[in-house]
Protein backbone atom coordinates (compact mmCIF):
# COMPACT_ATOMS: atom_id res chain seq x y z
CA UNK A 1 9.33 -11.19 29.73
CA UNK A 2 11.72 -13.38 27.79
CA UNK A 3 12.02 -13.59 24.02
CA UNK A 4 13.86 -16.24 22.01
CA UNK A 5 15.82 -14.63 19.18
CA UNK A 6 17.61 -17.06 16.90
CA UNK A 7 21.04 -16.14 15.53
CA UNK A 8 20.74 -14.21 12.30
CA UNK A 9 17.58 -12.36 13.30
CA UNK A 10 17.62 -8.67 12.34
CA UNK A 11 16.10 -6.36 14.96
CA UNK A 12 16.04 -2.61 15.63
CA UNK A 13 18.20 -1.52 18.58
CA UNK A 14 19.69 1.78 19.83
CA UNK A 15 23.24 0.61 19.06
CA UNK A 16 26.10 2.53 20.72
CA UNK A 17 29.14 2.77 18.43
CA UNK A 18 32.61 2.48 20.00
CA UNK A 19 33.48 6.08 19.10
CA UNK A 20 30.32 7.27 20.85
CA UNK A 21 31.24 5.34 23.99
CA UNK A 22 34.77 6.81 23.86
CA UNK A 23 33.15 10.27 23.97
CA UNK A 24 31.33 9.31 27.16
CA UNK A 25 27.93 8.61 25.64
CA UNK A 26 25.95 5.83 27.33
CA UNK A 27 23.08 5.27 24.89
CA UNK A 28 22.77 4.92 21.14
CA UNK A 29 21.58 8.08 19.40
CA UNK A 30 19.02 6.34 17.23
CA UNK A 31 17.58 2.92 16.56
CA UNK A 32 19.58 0.93 13.99
CA UNK A 33 19.30 -2.50 12.43
CA UNK A 34 21.47 -5.09 14.17
CA UNK A 35 21.94 -8.82 13.68
CA UNK A 36 21.64 -11.17 16.63
CA UNK A 37 24.93 -13.12 16.73
CA UNK A 38 24.02 -15.19 19.78
CA UNK A 39 21.24 -15.25 22.36
CA UNK A 40 21.85 -16.88 25.75
CA UNK A 41 19.36 -17.29 28.60
CA UNK A 42 21.07 -16.37 31.86
CA UNK A 43 20.29 -16.68 35.53
CA UNK A 44 17.05 -15.09 36.61
CA UNK A 45 15.50 -15.60 33.18
CA UNK A 46 17.35 -12.70 31.54
CA UNK A 47 18.35 -13.08 27.91
CA UNK A 48 21.82 -11.81 26.96
CA UNK A 49 22.42 -10.83 23.34
CA UNK A 50 25.58 -10.36 21.28
CA UNK A 51 24.62 -7.89 18.56
CA UNK A 52 26.43 -6.99 15.33
CA UNK A 53 25.79 -3.53 13.93
CA UNK A 54 24.60 -3.31 10.34
CA UNK A 55 25.67 -0.19 8.49
CA UNK A 56 25.46 1.12 4.95
CA UNK A 57 28.85 2.83 5.36
CA UNK A 58 32.10 1.08 4.47
CA UNK A 59 34.16 0.00 7.51
CA UNK A 60 37.08 2.10 8.78
CA UNK A 61 40.59 0.67 8.49
CA UNK A 62 40.56 -0.39 12.16
CA UNK A 63 37.19 -2.20 11.90
CA UNK A 64 36.48 -5.80 11.06
CA UNK A 65 33.45 -6.25 8.84
CA UNK A 66 31.73 -8.57 6.42
CA UNK A 67 29.40 -7.66 3.64
CA UNK A 68 25.83 -8.84 3.89
CA UNK A 69 24.78 -10.51 0.62
CA UNK A 70 21.99 -8.77 -1.28
CA UNK A 71 19.55 -11.66 -0.75
CA UNK A 72 20.10 -11.48 3.02
CA UNK A 73 19.53 -7.71 2.98
CA UNK A 74 16.15 -8.34 1.39
CA UNK A 75 15.32 -11.08 3.88
CA UNK A 76 16.31 -8.79 6.76
CA UNK A 77 14.17 -5.91 5.51
CA UNK A 78 17.13 -3.84 4.31
CA UNK A 79 16.31 -3.96 0.62
CA UNK A 80 16.61 -0.18 0.23
CA UNK A 81 20.33 -0.35 1.04
CA UNK A 82 22.77 -0.82 -1.84
CA UNK A 83 25.39 -2.37 0.47
CA UNK A 84 25.36 -3.43 4.12
């Protein structure tokens, strides 16, 4: 089954953080909100996604991040978060 997900769509996904992968983990611990950065249909009908994690925690010094505007948090169903 193939699904078209436009860029900017917020979905739930078991996101694996870099520090978790460095510890040898292979799957995200829990489902988190992520933003679809790009969706590309590949060979065999598979859809490949580039996902951006959405967190309520401020980024670490070695992380690149942008703040999601309040209006976009509401549109993405994250209205309970003060910052994302």
